[in-house]
Amino acid sequence: MPQIPPPAGPPETAEERTAIRLDQFLAHPPAKVWRALTEPELLARWLMPNDFKPEVGHRFTFTTTPKKAVGFDGVVHCEVLAIEPEKLLRLAWSDGRVDWTVTWRLEPEGKGTRLFLDHEGFDPDDELQQMSRRIMGGGWHRHFTTIEALAAEL
């Protein structure tokens, strides 16, 4: 009789299915990482073209290639909800169908920065949102590498 492999890990809880939570050490001081997160031209290099301003209440958009198969027109509507230079950036983030909150936190660690990302607001019972969470989770993870490379140039 063939062996059935064990599950890949413990099943996700409903809480885990509502958010993407990542953290990574970057070997650059918070000031450089902050620039990569908040200067529009640098932000465009690792994420998407934008009209971002680091001001609470500023509404802006990111633009990318539309994904018609999933109903995404390529525009992400955002608003700056909170900002603490070199410490915290919180954005309202909407693809026109779902509203999320994306929070970046920076903590000095040795000669570098511990960078945290919380992308919250996924419906744990909506299969399309869960697919989006898995796809975006991989994307955010790859962006950490690009942010680190960009910070190295500054």
N, C-alpha and C. Protein backbone atom coordinates (compact mmCIF):
# COMPACT_ATOMS: atom_id res chain seq x y z
N MET A 1 0.85 -1.18 0.00
CA MET A 1 0.00 0.00 0.00
C MET A 1 0.90 1.24 0.00
N PRO A 2 0.62 2.25 -0.88
CA PRO A 2 1.48 3.44 -0.94
C PRO A 2 1.36 4.29 0.32
N GLN A 3 2.46 4.90 0.66
CA GLN A 3 2.50 5.79 1.82
C GLN A 3 1.92 7.15 1.43
N ILE A 4 1.13 7.71 2.30
CA ILE A 4 0.59 9.06 2.09
C ILE A 4 1.47 10.02 2.88
N PRO A 5 2.06 11.01 2.18
CA PRO A 5 2.94 11.93 2.90
C PRO A 5 2.17 12.76 3.92
N PRO A 6 2.84 13.12 5.02
CA PRO A 6 2.18 13.97 6.01
C PRO A 6 1.93 15.36 5.43
N PRO A 7 1.00 16.11 6.01
CA PRO A 7 0.76 17.48 5.54
C PRO A 7 2.04 18.31 5.64
N ALA A 8 2.13 19.35 4.81
CA ALA A 8 3.33 20.19 4.72
C ALA A 8 3.59 20.98 6.00
N GLY A 9 2.67 21.07 6.87
CA GLY A 9 2.83 21.81 8.12
C GLY A 9 1.48 21.91 8.78
N PRO A 10 1.44 22.58 9.93
CA PRO A 10 0.15 22.71 10.59
C PRO A 10 -0.81 23.54 9.74
N PRO A 11 -2.09 23.22 9.79
CA PRO A 11 -3.05 24.02 9.02
C PRO A 11 -3.08 25.45 9.53
N GLU A 12 -3.35 26.37 8.61
CA GLU A 12 -3.43 27.78 8.99
C GLU A 12 -4.67 28.04 9.83
N THR A 13 -4.52 28.93 10.79
CA THR A 13 -5.68 29.35 11.57
C THR A 13 -6.44 30.42 10.78
N ALA A 14 -7.68 30.69 11.18
CA ALA A 14 -8.45 31.75 10.52
C ALA A 14 -7.72 33.08 10.62
N GLU A 15 -7.06 33.35 11.75
CA GLU A 15 -6.30 34.60 11.93
C GLU A 15 -5.17 34.69 10.91
N GLU A 16 -4.45 33.59 10.70
CA GLU A 16 -3.35 33.59 9.74
C GLU A 16 -3.85 33.81 8.32
N ARG A 17 -5.07 33.40 8.04
CA ARG A 17 -5.64 33.55 6.70
C ARG A 17 -6.14 34.96 6.43
N THR A 18 -6.10 35.84 7.44
CA THR A 18 -6.56 37.22 7.24
C THR A 18 -5.43 38.18 6.92
N ALA A 19 -4.18 37.72 6.96
CA ALA A 19 -3.06 38.65 6.80
C ALA A 19 -1.83 37.97 6.22
N ILE A 20 -0.97 38.80 5.68
CA ILE A 20 0.39 38.41 5.31
C ILE A 20 1.27 39.11 6.32
N ARG A 21 2.12 38.37 7.00
CA ARG A 21 3.03 38.96 7.99
C ARG A 21 4.44 38.48 7.68
N LEU A 22 5.31 39.42 7.40
CA LEU A 22 6.69 39.10 7.07
C LEU A 22 7.63 39.98 7.88
N ASP A 23 8.82 39.47 8.12
CA ASP A 23 9.88 40.31 8.67
C ASP A 23 11.21 39.78 8.18
N GLN A 24 12.13 40.72 7.98
CA GLN A 24 13.44 40.35 7.49
C GLN A 24 14.46 41.38 7.95
N PHE A 25 15.65 40.89 8.26
CA PHE A 25 16.76 41.78 8.58
C PHE A 25 17.36 42.28 7.27
N LEU A 26 17.56 43.60 7.19
CA LEU A 26 18.25 44.22 6.06
C LEU A 26 19.53 44.85 6.59
N ALA A 27 20.62 44.63 5.93
CA ALA A 27 21.92 45.09 6.40
C ALA A 27 22.17 46.56 6.06
N HIS A 28 21.17 47.40 6.30
CA HIS A 28 21.26 48.83 6.00
C HIS A 28 20.53 49.60 7.09
N PRO A 29 20.99 50.80 7.42
CA PRO A 29 20.34 51.56 8.49
C PRO A 29 18.91 51.97 8.10
N PRO A 30 18.07 52.23 9.12
CA PRO A 30 16.69 52.62 8.85
C PRO A 30 16.54 53.79 7.87
N ALA A 31 17.43 54.75 7.90
CA ALA A 31 17.31 55.91 7.00
C ALA A 31 17.31 55.48 5.54
N LYS A 32 18.15 54.53 5.18
CA LYS A 32 18.21 54.07 3.78
C LYS A 32 16.97 53.25 3.42
N VAL A 33 16.56 52.38 4.32
CA VAL A 33 15.36 51.57 4.06
C VAL A 33 14.15 52.48 3.95
N TRP A 34 14.07 53.48 4.81
CA TRP A 34 12.96 54.44 4.78
C TRP A 34 12.88 55.15 3.44
N ARG A 35 14.02 55.56 2.92
CA ARG A 35 14.04 56.22 1.61
C ARG A 35 13.45 55.31 0.54
N ALA A 36 13.83 54.03 0.56
CA ALA A 36 13.30 53.08 -0.42
C ALA A 36 11.79 52.92 -0.32
N LEU A 37 11.26 53.08 0.89
CA LEU A 37 9.81 52.93 1.11
C LEU A 37 9.02 54.20 0.82
N THR A 38 9.68 55.37 0.86
CA THR A 38 8.89 56.62 0.83
C THR A 38 9.27 57.62 -0.26
N GLU A 39 10.35 57.43 -0.97
CA GLU A 39 10.67 58.34 -2.07
C GLU A 39 10.04 57.78 -3.33
N PRO A 40 9.11 58.54 -3.95
CA PRO A 40 8.32 58.00 -5.06
C PRO A 40 9.14 57.34 -6.17
N GLU A 41 10.25 57.95 -6.56
CA GLU A 41 11.03 57.37 -7.65
C GLU A 41 11.71 56.06 -7.22
N LEU A 42 12.10 55.96 -5.95
CA LEU A 42 12.68 54.71 -5.44
C LEU A 42 11.59 53.65 -5.26
N LEU A 43 10.46 54.06 -4.73
CA LEU A 43 9.31 53.18 -4.55
C LEU A 43 8.89 52.56 -5.89
N ALA A 44 8.93 53.37 -6.94
CA ALA A 44 8.57 52.88 -8.28
C ALA A 44 9.55 51.82 -8.78
N ARG A 45 10.79 51.90 -8.34
CA ARG A 45 11.80 50.94 -8.81
C ARG A 45 11.58 49.54 -8.24
N TRP A 46 11.04 49.44 -7.03
CA TRP A 46 10.85 48.10 -6.46
C TRP A 46 9.39 47.67 -6.38
N LEU A 47 8.45 48.62 -6.52
CA LEU A 47 7.05 48.23 -6.40
C LEU A 47 6.28 48.58 -7.66
N MET A 48 5.81 49.82 -7.77
CA MET A 48 5.04 50.24 -8.94
C MET A 48 5.15 51.75 -9.10
N PRO A 49 4.96 52.25 -10.34
CA PRO A 49 4.87 53.70 -10.53
C PRO A 49 3.75 54.25 -9.64
N ASN A 50 3.95 55.49 -9.15
CA ASN A 50 3.05 56.02 -8.13
C ASN A 50 3.09 57.54 -8.09
N ASP A 51 2.17 58.11 -7.35
CA ASP A 51 2.18 59.55 -7.05
C ASP A 51 2.13 59.73 -5.52
N PHE A 52 2.93 58.92 -4.83
CA PHE A 52 3.01 58.91 -3.38
C PHE A 52 3.63 60.19 -2.83
N LYS A 53 3.11 60.64 -1.69
CA LYS A 53 3.72 61.70 -0.88
C LYS A 53 3.65 61.22 0.57
N PRO A 54 4.73 61.36 1.32
CA PRO A 54 4.72 60.88 2.71
C PRO A 54 4.00 61.85 3.65
N GLU A 55 2.68 61.99 3.44
CA GLU A 55 1.85 62.89 4.24
C GLU A 55 0.56 62.16 4.62
N VAL A 56 0.23 62.16 5.91
CA VAL A 56 -1.01 61.53 6.36
C VAL A 56 -2.19 62.17 5.62
N GLY A 57 -3.07 61.32 5.11
CA GLY A 57 -4.24 61.77 4.37
C GLY A 57 -4.04 61.85 2.87
N HIS A 58 -2.78 61.78 2.42
CA HIS A 58 -2.53 61.85 0.97
C HIS A 58 -3.08 60.61 0.28
N ARG A 59 -3.91 60.82 -0.74
CA ARG A 59 -4.46 59.73 -1.55
C ARG A 59 -3.62 59.65 -2.82
N PHE A 60 -3.28 58.42 -3.19
CA PHE A 60 -2.42 58.23 -4.36
C PHE A 60 -2.73 56.88 -4.99
N THR A 61 -2.11 56.63 -6.13
CA THR A 61 -2.30 55.35 -6.81
C THR A 61 -0.96 54.73 -7.19
N PHE A 62 -0.97 53.42 -7.23
CA PHE A 62 0.08 52.63 -7.86
C PHE A 62 -0.53 52.13 -9.15
N THR A 63 0.27 52.02 -10.21
CA THR A 63 -0.24 51.48 -11.47
C THR A 63 0.66 50.35 -11.95
N THR A 64 0.01 49.33 -12.49
CA THR A 64 0.73 48.17 -13.00
C THR A 64 -0.08 47.56 -14.13
N THR A 65 0.36 46.45 -14.62
CA THR A 65 -0.32 45.76 -15.71
C THR A 65 -1.65 45.18 -15.22
N PRO A 66 -2.74 45.49 -15.92
CA PRO A 66 -4.04 44.92 -15.55
C PRO A 66 -4.01 43.39 -15.63
N LYS A 67 -4.80 42.75 -14.78
CA LYS A 67 -4.96 41.29 -14.78
C LYS A 67 -6.45 41.02 -15.01
N LYS A 68 -6.86 41.10 -16.27
CA LYS A 68 -8.28 40.98 -16.62
C LYS A 68 -8.89 39.66 -16.15
N ALA A 69 -8.12 38.59 -16.15
CA ALA A 69 -8.65 37.28 -15.77
C ALA A 69 -9.19 37.26 -14.34
N VAL A 70 -8.63 38.12 -13.48
CA VAL A 70 -9.12 38.18 -12.09
C VAL A 70 -9.83 39.49 -11.80
N GLY A 71 -10.11 40.28 -12.84
CA GLY A 71 -10.86 41.51 -12.66
C GLY A 71 -10.08 42.67 -12.09
N PHE A 72 -8.75 42.65 -12.22
CA PHE A 72 -7.91 43.73 -11.69
C PHE A 72 -7.53 44.68 -12.82
N ASP A 73 -7.87 45.97 -12.67
CA ASP A 73 -7.63 46.94 -13.73
C ASP A 73 -6.23 47.54 -13.74
N GLY A 74 -5.37 47.12 -12.82
CA GLY A 74 -3.99 47.60 -12.79
C GLY A 74 -3.78 48.83 -11.93
N VAL A 75 -4.82 49.31 -11.25
CA VAL A 75 -4.69 50.49 -10.40
C VAL A 75 -4.96 50.11 -8.94
N VAL A 76 -4.03 50.48 -8.07
CA VAL A 76 -4.20 50.26 -6.64
C VAL A 76 -4.40 51.64 -6.02
N HIS A 77 -5.53 51.82 -5.35
CA HIS A 77 -5.87 53.10 -4.72
C HIS A 77 -5.42 53.05 -3.26
N CYS A 78 -4.68 54.08 -2.85
CA CYS A 78 -4.10 54.08 -1.51
C CYS A 78 -4.31 55.42 -0.82
N GLU A 79 -4.16 55.39 0.49
CA GLU A 79 -4.16 56.60 1.31
C GLU A 79 -3.17 56.38 2.45
N VAL A 80 -2.38 57.41 2.75
CA VAL A 80 -1.45 57.33 3.87
C VAL A 80 -2.26 57.50 5.15
N LEU A 81 -2.25 56.46 6.00
CA LEU A 81 -3.00 56.49 7.25
C LEU A 81 -2.16 56.94 8.43
N ALA A 82 -0.88 56.57 8.44
CA ALA A 82 0.02 56.92 9.54
C ALA A 82 1.44 56.93 9.02
N ILE A 83 2.22 57.83 9.59
CA ILE A 83 3.62 57.90 9.19
C ILE A 83 4.45 58.40 10.37
N GLU A 84 5.52 57.69 10.66
CA GLU A 84 6.52 58.09 11.65
C GLU A 84 7.86 57.88 10.97
N PRO A 85 8.53 58.97 10.56
CA PRO A 85 9.76 58.82 9.79
C PRO A 85 10.73 57.80 10.38
N GLU A 86 11.19 56.93 9.50
CA GLU A 86 12.14 55.87 9.79
C GLU A 86 11.63 54.83 10.77
N LYS A 87 10.29 54.83 11.04
CA LYS A 87 9.71 53.87 11.98
C LYS A 87 8.47 53.16 11.44
N LEU A 88 7.53 53.92 10.83
CA LEU A 88 6.25 53.32 10.48
C LEU A 88 5.62 54.02 9.28
N LEU A 89 5.06 53.21 8.39
CA LEU A 89 4.27 53.69 7.27
C LEU A 89 3.06 52.77 7.15
N ARG A 90 1.85 53.33 7.30
CA ARG A 90 0.61 52.54 7.19
C ARG A 90 -0.24 53.12 6.08
N LEU A 91 -0.68 52.24 5.19
CA LEU A 91 -1.46 52.65 4.03
C LEU A 91 -2.79 51.91 3.97
N ALA A 92 -3.84 52.61 3.56
CA ALA A 92 -5.06 51.96 3.10
C ALA A 92 -4.74 51.55 1.67
N TRP A 93 -5.16 50.35 1.27
CA TRP A 93 -4.75 49.76 -0.01
C TRP A 93 -5.96 49.07 -0.61
N SER A 94 -6.39 49.44 -1.80
CA SER A 94 -7.58 48.85 -2.40
C SER A 94 -7.35 48.59 -3.88
N ASP A 95 -7.77 47.40 -4.32
CA ASP A 95 -7.70 47.09 -5.75
C ASP A 95 -9.04 47.36 -6.43
N GLY A 96 -9.95 48.04 -5.73
CA GLY A 96 -11.27 48.34 -6.28
C GLY A 96 -12.31 47.30 -5.91
N ARG A 97 -11.86 46.16 -5.42
CA ARG A 97 -12.78 45.09 -5.00
C ARG A 97 -12.64 44.81 -3.52
N VAL A 98 -11.40 44.87 -3.02
CA VAL A 98 -11.11 44.54 -1.63
C VAL A 98 -10.28 45.67 -1.03
N ASP A 99 -10.55 45.99 0.24
CA ASP A 99 -9.79 47.02 0.96
C ASP A 99 -8.92 46.33 2.00
N TRP A 100 -7.64 46.71 2.00
CA TRP A 100 -6.68 46.16 2.95
C TRP A 100 -5.96 47.29 3.66
N THR A 101 -5.17 46.93 4.65
CA THR A 101 -4.23 47.85 5.28
C THR A 101 -2.84 47.22 5.14
N VAL A 102 -1.89 48.03 4.67
CA VAL A 102 -0.50 47.59 4.54
C VAL A 102 0.34 48.45 5.48
N THR A 103 1.07 47.81 6.38
CA THR A 103 1.88 48.52 7.36
C THR A 103 3.32 48.05 7.27
N TRP A 104 4.23 49.02 7.16
CA TRP A 104 5.67 48.76 7.22
C TRP A 104 6.18 49.30 8.54
N ARG A 105 6.92 48.48 9.29
CA ARG A 105 7.57 48.94 10.53
C ARG A 105 9.06 48.68 10.40
N LEU A 106 9.84 49.64 10.85
CA LEU A 106 11.29 49.53 10.81
C LEU A 106 11.81 49.60 12.24
N GLU A 107 12.68 48.67 12.60
CA GLU A 107 13.31 48.69 13.91
C GLU A 107 14.81 48.56 13.72
N PRO A 108 15.59 49.50 14.30
CA PRO A 108 17.04 49.37 14.21
C PRO A 108 17.48 48.05 14.84
N GLU A 109 18.42 47.39 14.20
CA GLU A 109 18.95 46.13 14.73
C GLU A 109 20.43 46.08 14.36
N GLY A 110 21.28 46.26 15.35
CA GLY A 110 22.72 46.31 15.08
C GLY A 110 23.01 47.45 14.12
N LYS A 111 23.71 47.15 13.04
CA LYS A 111 24.01 48.17 12.02
C LYS A 111 22.98 48.17 10.90
N GLY A 112 21.90 47.41 11.07
CA GLY A 112 20.90 47.29 10.03
C GLY A 112 19.50 47.62 10.53
N THR A 113 18.54 47.04 9.85
CA THR A 113 17.13 47.30 10.13
C THR A 113 16.34 46.01 10.06
N ARG A 114 15.48 45.79 11.03
CA ARG A 114 14.49 44.71 10.96
C ARG A 114 13.26 45.34 10.32
N LEU A 115 12.86 44.85 9.15
CA LEU A 115 11.72 45.38 8.42
C LEU A 115 10.56 44.41 8.54
N PHE A 116 9.43 44.93 9.01
CA PHE A 116 8.20 44.14 9.18
C PHE A 116 7.16 44.62 8.18
N LEU A 117 6.39 43.70 7.66
CA LEU A 117 5.26 44.01 6.79
C LEU A 117 4.04 43.28 7.32
N ASP A 118 2.93 44.01 7.47
CA ASP A 118 1.62 43.42 7.79
C ASP A 118 0.66 43.88 6.70
N HIS A 119 0.16 42.96 5.92
CA HIS A 119 -0.85 43.24 4.88
C HIS A 119 -2.12 42.54 5.37
N GLU A 120 -3.06 43.33 5.90
CA GLU A 120 -4.20 42.79 6.64
C GLU A 120 -5.53 43.08 5.95
N GLY A 121 -6.50 42.19 6.21
CA GLY A 121 -7.86 42.41 5.75
C GLY A 121 -8.39 41.37 4.78
N PHE A 122 -7.72 40.23 4.65
CA PHE A 122 -8.19 39.17 3.76
C PHE A 122 -9.32 38.40 4.43
N ASP A 123 -10.34 38.07 3.65
CA ASP A 123 -11.45 37.27 4.14
C ASP A 123 -11.02 35.80 4.14
N PRO A 124 -10.97 35.16 5.31
CA PRO A 124 -10.48 33.78 5.36
C PRO A 124 -11.40 32.78 4.65
N ASP A 125 -12.64 33.18 4.37
CA ASP A 125 -13.59 32.27 3.73
C ASP A 125 -13.80 32.55 2.24
N ASP A 126 -13.10 33.53 1.69
CA ASP A 126 -13.23 33.90 0.28
C ASP A 126 -12.06 33.29 -0.49
N GLU A 127 -12.35 32.31 -1.33
CA GLU A 127 -11.28 31.58 -2.03
C GLU A 127 -10.45 32.50 -2.93
N LEU A 128 -11.08 33.47 -3.61
CA LEU A 128 -10.34 34.40 -4.47
C LEU A 128 -9.40 35.26 -3.64
N GLN A 129 -9.87 35.73 -2.46
CA GLN A 129 -8.99 36.53 -1.60
C GLN A 129 -7.85 35.68 -1.05
N GLN A 130 -8.11 34.41 -0.76
CA GLN A 130 -7.04 33.54 -0.27
C GLN A 130 -6.01 33.27 -1.37
N MET A 131 -6.46 33.14 -2.61
CA MET A 131 -5.53 33.00 -3.72
C MET A 131 -4.69 34.27 -3.84
N SER A 132 -5.33 35.43 -3.73
CA SER A 132 -4.61 36.71 -3.78
C SER A 132 -3.60 36.81 -2.64
N ARG A 133 -3.99 36.35 -1.45
CA ARG A 133 -3.08 36.39 -0.29
C ARG A 133 -1.83 35.56 -0.56
N ARG A 134 -2.02 34.38 -1.13
CA ARG A 134 -0.86 33.52 -1.42
C ARG A 134 0.03 34.16 -2.49
N ILE A 135 -0.56 34.71 -3.53
CA ILE A 135 0.22 35.34 -4.60
C ILE A 135 0.94 36.57 -4.07
N MET A 136 0.20 37.43 -3.36
CA MET A 136 0.82 38.66 -2.83
C MET A 136 1.88 38.35 -1.79
N GLY A 137 1.67 37.30 -1.01
CA GLY A 137 2.68 36.93 -0.01
C GLY A 137 4.02 36.63 -0.67
N GLY A 138 3.99 35.88 -1.77
CA GLY A 138 5.22 35.61 -2.50
C GLY A 138 5.81 36.87 -3.10
N GLY A 139 4.96 37.74 -3.60
CA GLY A 139 5.43 39.00 -4.17
C GLY A 139 6.09 39.88 -3.13
N TRP A 140 5.43 40.03 -1.97
CA TRP A 140 6.02 40.86 -0.91
C TRP A 140 7.37 40.28 -0.48
N HIS A 141 7.45 38.97 -0.38
CA HIS A 141 8.71 38.34 0.03
C HIS A 141 9.83 38.70 -0.96
N ARG A 142 9.54 38.64 -2.25
CA ARG A 142 10.54 39.00 -3.27
C ARG A 142 10.91 40.48 -3.18
N HIS A 143 9.94 41.32 -2.83
CA HIS A 143 10.23 42.76 -2.74
C HIS A 143 11.24 43.08 -1.64
N PHE A 144 11.26 42.29 -0.57
CA PHE A 144 12.23 42.53 0.50
C PHE A 144 13.65 42.48 -0.08
N THR A 145 13.91 41.52 -0.96
CA THR A 145 15.23 41.38 -1.58
C THR A 145 15.55 42.60 -2.44
N THR A 146 14.56 43.09 -3.18
CA THR A 146 14.77 44.26 -4.03
C THR A 146 14.99 45.51 -3.19
N ILE A 147 14.25 45.65 -2.09
CA ILE A 147 14.43 46.80 -1.20
C ILE A 147 15.86 46.78 -0.65
N GLU A 148 16.33 45.61 -0.26
CA GLU A 148 17.69 45.52 0.29
C GLU A 148 18.73 45.93 -0.76
N ALA A 149 18.57 45.47 -1.99
CA ALA A 149 19.51 45.83 -3.06
C ALA A 149 19.46 47.33 -3.34
N LEU A 150 18.28 47.89 -3.34
CA LEU A 150 18.12 49.33 -3.57
C LEU A 150 18.76 50.13 -2.44
N ALA A 151 18.53 49.73 -1.20
CA ALA A 151 19.13 50.43 -0.06
C ALA A 151 20.66 50.38 -0.13
N ALA A 152 21.22 49.32 -0.69
CA ALA A 152 22.67 49.21 -0.83
C ALA A 152 23.22 50.26 -1.78
N GLU A 153 22.39 50.72 -2.73
CA GLU A 153 22.81 51.74 -3.70
C GLU A 153 22.79 53.15 -3.12
N LEU A 154 22.06 53.34 -2.03
CA LEU A 154 21.86 54.70 -1.49
C LEU A 154 23.02 55.15 -0.62
